[in-house]
Amino acid sequence: MKYKEKQLNGKQWAVFKRGSIYWPHTVSDTKDEARGWAIKLSAMWHHEQIERLSKEFGEVEGSSLSEWIC
């Protein structure tokens, strides 16, 4: 997974971009809720990477990179 949930202040959790930088909208009361945000944000990041590669390399043997992965 690209992003992970971490505890903020002993009570709340959030998803961190890098180091001590986190997304404020992911601040949660439970680790499970923050983990859900981490999964969503990681999936979005991976999707963006696939789209970038698809644009760069185009089609291979008649299919896009997205189709190859699925």
PDB file of N, CA and C in Angstrom:
ATOM      1  N   MET A   1       0.834  -1.166   0.000  1.00  0.00           N
ATOM      2  CA  MET A   1       0.000   0.000   0.000  1.00  0.00           C
ATOM      3  C   MET A   1       0.888   1.242   0.000  1.00  0.00           C
ATOM      4  N   LYS A   2       0.497   2.246  -0.736  1.00  0.00           N
ATOM      5  CA  LYS A   2       1.280   3.475  -0.845  1.00  0.00           C
ATOM      6  C   LYS A   2       1.238   4.285   0.452  1.00  0.00           C
ATOM      7  N   TYR A   3       0.061   4.433   1.031  1.00  0.00           N
ATOM      8  CA  TYR A   3      -0.100   5.264   2.227  1.00  0.00           C
ATOM      9  C   TYR A   3      -0.508   4.418   3.428  1.00  0.00           C
ATOM     10  N   LYS A   4      -0.129   4.861   4.603  1.00  0.00           N
ATOM     11  CA  LYS A   4      -0.433   4.132   5.839  1.00  0.00           C
ATOM     12  C   LYS A   4      -1.132   5.046   6.833  1.00  0.00           C
ATOM     13  N   GLU A   5      -1.892   4.426   7.713  1.00  0.00           N
ATOM     14  CA  GLU A   5      -2.516   5.168   8.802  1.00  0.00           C
ATOM     15  C   GLU A   5      -1.540   5.210   9.981  1.00  0.00           C
ATOM     16  N   LYS A   6      -1.513   6.339  10.671  1.00  0.00           N
ATOM     17  CA  LYS A   6      -0.665   6.487  11.856  1.00  0.00           C
ATOM     18  C   LYS A   6      -1.450   7.247  12.913  1.00  0.00           C
ATOM     19  N   GLN A   7      -1.066   7.006  14.150  1.00  0.00           N
ATOM     20  CA  GLN A   7      -1.724   7.702  15.244  1.00  0.00           C
ATOM     21  C   GLN A   7      -1.180   9.133  15.347  1.00  0.00           C
ATOM     22  N   LEU A   8      -2.095  10.082  15.508  1.00  0.00           N
ATOM     23  CA  LEU A   8      -1.725  11.498  15.560  1.00  0.00           C
ATOM     24  C   LEU A   8      -1.295  11.955  16.946  1.00  0.00           C
ATOM     25  N   ASN A   9      -2.186  11.787  17.902  1.00  0.00           N
ATOM     26  CA  ASN A   9      -1.979  12.412  19.205  1.00  0.00           C
ATOM     27  C   ASN A   9      -2.335  11.482  20.361  1.00  0.00           C
ATOM     28  N   GLY A  10      -2.217  10.214  20.147  1.00  0.00           N
ATOM     29  CA  GLY A  10      -2.583   9.260  21.187  1.00  0.00           C
ATOM     30  C   GLY A  10      -4.049   8.874  21.166  1.00  0.00           C
ATOM     31  N   LYS A  11      -4.854   9.619  20.426  1.00  0.00           N
ATOM     32  CA  LYS A  11      -6.286   9.319  20.349  1.00  0.00           C
ATOM     33  C   LYS A  11      -6.751   9.178  18.908  1.00  0.00           C
ATOM     34  N   GLN A  12      -6.404  10.134  18.065  1.00  0.00           N
ATOM     35  CA  GLN A  12      -6.894  10.136  16.692  1.00  0.00           C
ATOM     36  C   GLN A  12      -5.882   9.538  15.727  1.00  0.00           C
ATOM     37  N   TRP A  13      -6.406   9.134  14.578  1.00  0.00           N
ATOM     38  CA  TRP A  13      -5.603   8.525  13.524  1.00  0.00           C
ATOM     39  C   TRP A  13      -5.772   9.332  12.246  1.00  0.00           C
ATOM     40  N   ALA A  14      -4.794   9.233  11.341  1.00  0.00           N
ATOM     41  CA  ALA A  14      -4.883   9.904  10.042  1.00  0.00           C
ATOM     42  C   ALA A  14      -4.006   9.163   9.036  1.00  0.00           C
ATOM     43  N   VAL A  15      -4.196   9.506   7.773  1.00  0.00           N
ATOM     44  CA  VAL A  15      -3.378   8.937   6.705  1.00  0.00           C
ATOM     45  C   VAL A  15      -2.291   9.952   6.373  1.00  0.00           C
ATOM     46  N   PHE A  16      -1.057   9.481   6.394  1.00  0.00           N
ATOM     47  CA  PHE A  16       0.091  10.350   6.174  1.00  0.00           C
ATOM     48  C   PHE A  16       0.607  10.233   4.742  1.00  0.00           C
ATOM     49  N   LYS A  17       0.891  11.399   4.158  1.00  0.00           N
ATOM     50  CA  LYS A  17       1.472  11.459   2.809  1.00  0.00           C
ATOM     51  C   LYS A  17       2.937  11.052   2.876  1.00  0.00           C
ATOM     52  N   ARG A  18       3.677  11.751   3.746  1.00  0.00           N
ATOM     53  CA  ARG A  18       5.087  11.458   3.975  1.00  0.00           C
ATOM     54  C   ARG A  18       5.520  12.172   5.248  1.00  0.00           C
ATOM     55  N   GLY A  19       6.374  11.551   5.973  1.00  0.00           N
ATOM     56  CA  GLY A  19       6.856  12.158   7.215  1.00  0.00           C
ATOM     57  C   GLY A  19       5.732  12.539   8.156  1.00  0.00           C
ATOM     58  N   SER A  20       5.649  13.823   8.462  1.00  0.00           N
ATOM     59  CA  SER A  20       4.617  14.279   9.399  1.00  0.00           C
ATOM     60  C   SER A  20       3.468  14.983   8.682  1.00  0.00           C
ATOM     61  N   ILE A  21       3.421  14.899   7.355  1.00  0.00           N
ATOM     62  CA  ILE A  21       2.360  15.541   6.573  1.00  0.00           C
ATOM     63  C   ILE A  21       1.224  14.549   6.360  1.00  0.00           C
ATOM     64  N   TYR A  22       0.024  14.963   6.747  1.00  0.00           N
ATOM     65  CA  TYR A  22      -1.132  14.077   6.597  1.00  0.00           C
ATOM     66  C   TYR A  22      -2.298  14.825   5.975  1.00  0.00           C
ATOM     67  N   TRP A  23      -3.272  14.056   5.477  1.00  0.00           N
ATOM     68  CA  TRP A  23      -4.480  14.640   4.917  1.00  0.00           C
ATOM     69  C   TRP A  23      -5.450  14.948   6.061  1.00  0.00           C
ATOM     70  N   PRO A  24      -5.797  16.203   6.271  1.00  0.00           N
ATOM     71  CA  PRO A  24      -6.703  16.566   7.369  1.00  0.00           C
ATOM     72  C   PRO A  24      -8.071  15.886   7.276  1.00  0.00           C
ATOM     73  N   HIS A  25      -8.555  15.656   6.054  1.00  0.00           N
ATOM     74  CA  HIS A  25      -9.885  15.033   5.928  1.00  0.00           C
ATOM     75  C   HIS A  25      -9.892  13.556   6.331  1.00  0.00           C
ATOM     76  N   THR A  26      -8.713  12.976   6.590  1.00  0.00           N
ATOM     77  CA  THR A  26      -8.656  11.564   6.987  1.00  0.00           C
ATOM     78  C   THR A  26      -8.562  11.373   8.498  1.00  0.00           C
ATOM     79  N   VAL A  27      -8.547  12.460   9.248  1.00  0.00           N
ATOM     80  CA  VAL A  27      -8.459  12.356  10.711  1.00  0.00           C
ATOM     81  C   VAL A  27      -9.675  11.581  11.199  1.00  0.00           C
ATOM     82  N   SER A  28      -9.422  10.519  11.962  1.00  0.00           N
ATOM     83  CA  SER A  28     -10.468   9.591  12.386  1.00  0.00           C
ATOM     84  C   SER A  28     -10.291   9.229  13.849  1.00  0.00           C
ATOM     85  N   ASP A  29     -11.368   8.759  14.440  1.00  0.00           N
ATOM     86  CA  ASP A  29     -11.315   8.335  15.838  1.00  0.00           C
ATOM     87  C   ASP A  29     -10.792   6.910  16.003  1.00  0.00           C
ATOM     88  N   THR A  30     -10.857   6.119  14.928  1.00  0.00           N
ATOM     89  CA  THR A  30     -10.407   4.724  15.031  1.00  0.00           C
ATOM     90  C   THR A  30      -9.354   4.407  13.965  1.00  0.00           C
ATOM     91  N   LYS A  31      -8.535   3.449  14.267  1.00  0.00           N
ATOM     92  CA  LYS A  31      -7.521   2.990  13.323  1.00  0.00           C
ATOM     93  C   LYS A  31      -8.178   2.382  12.087  1.00  0.00           C
ATOM     94  N   ASP A  32      -9.263   1.637  12.287  1.00  0.00           N
ATOM     95  CA  ASP A  32      -9.947   1.002  11.156  1.00  0.00           C
ATOM     96  C   ASP A  32     -10.500   2.021  10.169  1.00  0.00           C
ATOM     97  N   GLU A  33     -11.056   3.104  10.681  1.00  0.00           N
ATOM     98  CA  GLU A  33     -11.583   4.144   9.796  1.00  0.00           C
ATOM     99  C   GLU A  33     -10.449   4.798   9.009  1.00  0.00           C
ATOM    100  N   ALA A  34      -9.342   5.091   9.670  1.00  0.00           N
ATOM    101  CA  ALA A  34      -8.183   5.678   8.987  1.00  0.00           C
ATOM    102  C   ALA A  34      -7.599   4.693   7.980  1.00  0.00           C
ATOM    103  N   ARG A  35      -7.602   3.413   8.307  1.00  0.00           N
ATOM    104  CA  ARG A  35      -7.105   2.401   7.368  1.00  0.00           C
ATOM    105  C   ARG A  35      -7.955   2.372   6.109  1.00  0.00           C
ATOM    106  N   GLY A  36      -9.272   2.542   6.262  1.00  0.00           N
ATOM    107  CA  GLY A  36     -10.153   2.617   5.094  1.00  0.00           C
ATOM    108  C   GLY A  36      -9.763   3.772   4.178  1.00  0.00           C
ATOM    109  N   TRP A  37      -9.468   4.932   4.777  1.00  0.00           N
ATOM    110  CA  TRP A  37      -8.997   6.071   3.999  1.00  0.00           C
ATOM    111  C   TRP A  37      -7.670   5.755   3.320  1.00  0.00           C
ATOM    112  N   ALA A  38      -6.767   5.078   4.036  1.00  0.00           N
ATOM    113  CA  ALA A  38      -5.456   4.736   3.467  1.00  0.00           C
ATOM    114  C   ALA A  38      -5.615   3.825   2.249  1.00  0.00           C
ATOM    115  N   ILE A  39      -6.517   2.875   2.334  1.00  0.00           N
ATOM    116  CA  ILE A  39      -6.762   1.967   1.207  1.00  0.00           C
ATOM    117  C   ILE A  39      -7.300   2.753   0.011  1.00  0.00           C
ATOM    118  N   LYS A  40      -8.274   3.639   0.254  1.00  0.00           N
ATOM    119  CA  LYS A  40      -8.859   4.438  -0.838  1.00  0.00           C
ATOM    120  C   LYS A  40      -7.807   5.333  -1.491  1.00  0.00           C
ATOM    121  N   LEU A  41      -7.046   6.052  -0.674  1.00  0.00           N
ATOM    122  CA  LEU A  41      -6.044   6.967  -1.228  1.00  0.00           C
ATOM    123  C   LEU A  41      -4.931   6.215  -1.951  1.00  0.00           C
ATOM    124  N   SER A  42      -4.546   5.054  -1.430  1.00  0.00           N
ATOM    125  CA  SER A  42      -3.532   4.228  -2.099  1.00  0.00           C
ATOM    126  C   SER A  42      -4.049   3.727  -3.444  1.00  0.00           C
ATOM    127  N   ALA A  43      -5.298   3.294  -3.486  1.00  0.00           N
ATOM    128  CA  ALA A  43      -5.892   2.816  -4.733  1.00  0.00           C
ATOM    129  C   ALA A  43      -5.938   3.938  -5.771  1.00  0.00           C
ATOM    130  N   MET A  44      -6.281   5.138  -5.324  1.00  0.00           N
ATOM    131  CA  MET A  44      -6.317   6.281  -6.239  1.00  0.00           C
ATOM    132  C   MET A  44      -4.928   6.585  -6.781  1.00  0.00           C
ATOM    133  N   TRP A  45      -3.904   6.512  -5.932  1.00  0.00           N
ATOM    134  CA  TRP A  45      -2.536   6.755  -6.377  1.00  0.00           C
ATOM    135  C   TRP A  45      -2.113   5.717  -7.416  1.00  0.00           C
ATOM    136  N   HIS A  46      -2.403   4.449  -7.141  1.00  0.00           N
ATOM    137  CA  HIS A  46      -2.024   3.382  -8.078  1.00  0.00           C
ATOM    138  C   HIS A  46      -2.769   3.537  -9.400  1.00  0.00           C
ATOM    139  N   HIS A  47      -4.024   3.934  -9.339  1.00  0.00           N
ATOM    140  CA  HIS A  47      -4.798   4.157 -10.562  1.00  0.00           C
ATOM    141  C   HIS A  47      -4.154   5.266 -11.397  1.00  0.00           C
ATOM    142  N   GLU A  48      -3.744   6.352 -10.756  1.00  0.00           N
ATOM    143  CA  GLU A  48      -3.080   7.449 -11.460  1.00  0.00           C
ATOM    144  C   GLU A  48      -1.789   6.975 -12.131  1.00  0.00           C
ATOM    145  N   GLN A  49      -1.038   6.118 -11.444  1.00  0.00           N
ATOM    146  CA  GLN A  49       0.205   5.607 -12.023  1.00  0.00           C
ATOM    147  C   GLN A  49      -0.074   4.763 -13.262  1.00  0.00           C
ATOM    148  N   ILE A  50      -1.101   3.931 -13.210  1.00  0.00           N
ATOM    149  CA  ILE A  50      -1.475   3.105 -14.358  1.00  0.00           C
ATOM    150  C   ILE A  50      -1.898   3.984 -15.524  1.00  0.00           C
ATOM    151  N   GLU A  51      -2.672   5.039 -15.240  1.00  0.00           N
ATOM    152  CA  GLU A  51      -3.110   5.956 -16.296  1.00  0.00           C
ATOM    153  C   GLU A  51      -1.916   6.651 -16.942  1.00  0.00           C
ATOM    154  N   ARG A  52      -0.957   7.084 -16.140  1.00  0.00           N
ATOM    155  CA  ARG A  52       0.245   7.736 -16.689  1.00  0.00           C
ATOM    156  C   ARG A  52       1.026   6.786 -17.586  1.00  0.00           C
ATOM    157  N   LEU A  53       1.205   5.554 -17.123  1.00  0.00           N
ATOM    158  CA  LEU A  53       1.932   4.573 -17.932  1.00  0.00           C
ATOM    159  C   LEU A  53       1.181   4.240 -19.209  1.00  0.00           C
ATOM    160  N   SER A  54      -0.140   4.158 -19.117  1.00  0.00           N
ATOM    161  CA  SER A  54      -0.953   3.874 -20.300  1.00  0.00           C
ATOM    162  C   SER A  54      -0.782   4.969 -21.339  1.00  0.00           C
ATOM    163  N   LYS A  55      -0.757   6.221 -20.900  1.00  0.00           N
ATOM    164  CA  LYS A  55      -0.564   7.337 -21.836  1.00  0.00           C
ATOM    165  C   LYS A  55       0.835   7.306 -22.438  1.00  0.00           C
ATOM    166  N   GLU A  56       1.816   6.938 -21.614  1.00  0.00           N
ATOM    167  CA  GLU A  56       3.198   6.926 -22.088  1.00  0.00           C
ATOM    168  C   GLU A  56       3.451   5.812 -23.089  1.00  0.00           C
ATOM    169  N   PHE A  57       2.932   4.616 -22.810  1.00  0.00           N
ATOM    170  CA  PHE A  57       3.236   3.457 -23.641  1.00  0.00           C
ATOM    171  C   PHE A  57       2.136   3.083 -24.622  1.00  0.00           C
ATOM    172  N   GLY A  58       0.946   3.662 -24.448  1.00  0.00           N
ATOM    173  CA  GLY A  58      -0.145   3.368 -25.373  1.00  0.00           C
ATOM    174  C   GLY A  58      -0.592   1.922 -25.287  1.00  0.00           C
ATOM    175  N   GLU A  59      -0.917   1.364 -26.446  1.00  0.00           N
ATOM    176  CA  GLU A  59      -1.406  -0.015 -26.484  1.00  0.00           C
ATOM    177  C   GLU A  59      -0.279  -0.980 -26.801  1.00  0.00           C
ATOM    178  N   VAL A  60      -0.367  -2.146 -26.192  1.00  0.00           N
ATOM    179  CA  VAL A  60       0.578  -3.227 -26.451  1.00  0.00           C
ATOM    180  C   VAL A  60      -0.241  -4.419 -26.907  1.00  0.00           C
ATOM    181  N   GLU A  61       0.069  -4.924 -28.087  1.00  0.00           N
ATOM    182  CA  GLU A  61      -0.663  -6.043 -28.661  1.00  0.00           C
ATOM    183  C   GLU A  61      -2.172  -5.794 -28.647  1.00  0.00           C
ATOM    184  N   GLY A  62      -2.580  -4.555 -28.963  1.00  0.00           N
ATOM    185  CA  GLY A  62      -3.990  -4.228 -29.109  1.00  0.00           C
ATOM    186  C   GLY A  62      -4.741  -3.938 -27.826  1.00  0.00           C
ATOM    187  N   SER A  63      -4.061  -3.918 -26.678  1.00  0.00           N
ATOM    188  CA  SER A  63      -4.731  -3.649 -25.402  1.00  0.00           C
ATOM    189  C   SER A  63      -3.977  -2.588 -24.606  1.00  0.00           C
ATOM    190  N   SER A  64      -4.721  -1.826 -23.826  1.00  0.00           N
ATOM    191  CA  SER A  64      -4.081  -0.826 -22.975  1.00  0.00           C
ATOM    192  C   SER A  64      -3.511  -1.504 -21.733  1.00  0.00           C
ATOM    193  N   LEU A  65      -2.674  -0.790 -21.016  1.00  0.00           N
ATOM    194  CA  LEU A  65      -2.085  -1.303 -19.786  1.00  0.00           C
ATOM    195  C   LEU A  65      -3.174  -1.654 -18.770  1.00  0.00           C
ATOM    196  N   SER A  66      -4.210  -0.811 -18.691  1.00  0.00           N
ATOM    197  CA  SER A  66      -5.319  -1.075 -17.778  1.00  0.00           C
ATOM    198  C   SER A  66      -5.981  -2.414 -18.081  1.00  0.00           C
ATOM    199  N   GLU A  67      -6.166  -2.709 -19.343  1.00  0.00           N
ATOM    200  CA  GLU A  67      -6.774  -3.987 -19.728  1.00  0.00           C
ATOM    201  C   GLU A  67      -5.868  -5.166 -19.416  1.00  0.00           C
ATOM    202  N   TRP A  68      -4.557  -4.980 -19.556  1.00  0.00           N
ATOM    203  CA  TRP A  68      -3.611  -6.052 -19.244  1.00  0.00           C
ATOM    204  C   TRP A  68      -3.665  -6.388 -17.754  1.00  0.00           C
ATOM    205  N   ILE A  69      -3.764  -5.352 -16.912  1.00  0.00           N
ATOM    206  CA  ILE A  69      -3.748  -5.569 -15.475  1.00  0.00           C
ATOM    207  C   ILE A  69      -5.035  -6.246 -15.001  1.00  0.00           C
ATOM    208  N   CYS A  70      -6.148  -5.832 -15.580  1.00  0.00           N
ATOM    209  CA  CYS A  70      -7.439  -6.410 -15.167  1.00  0.00           C
ATOM    210  C   CYS A  70      -7.579  -7.752 -15.794  1.00  0.00           C
TER     211      CYS A  70
END
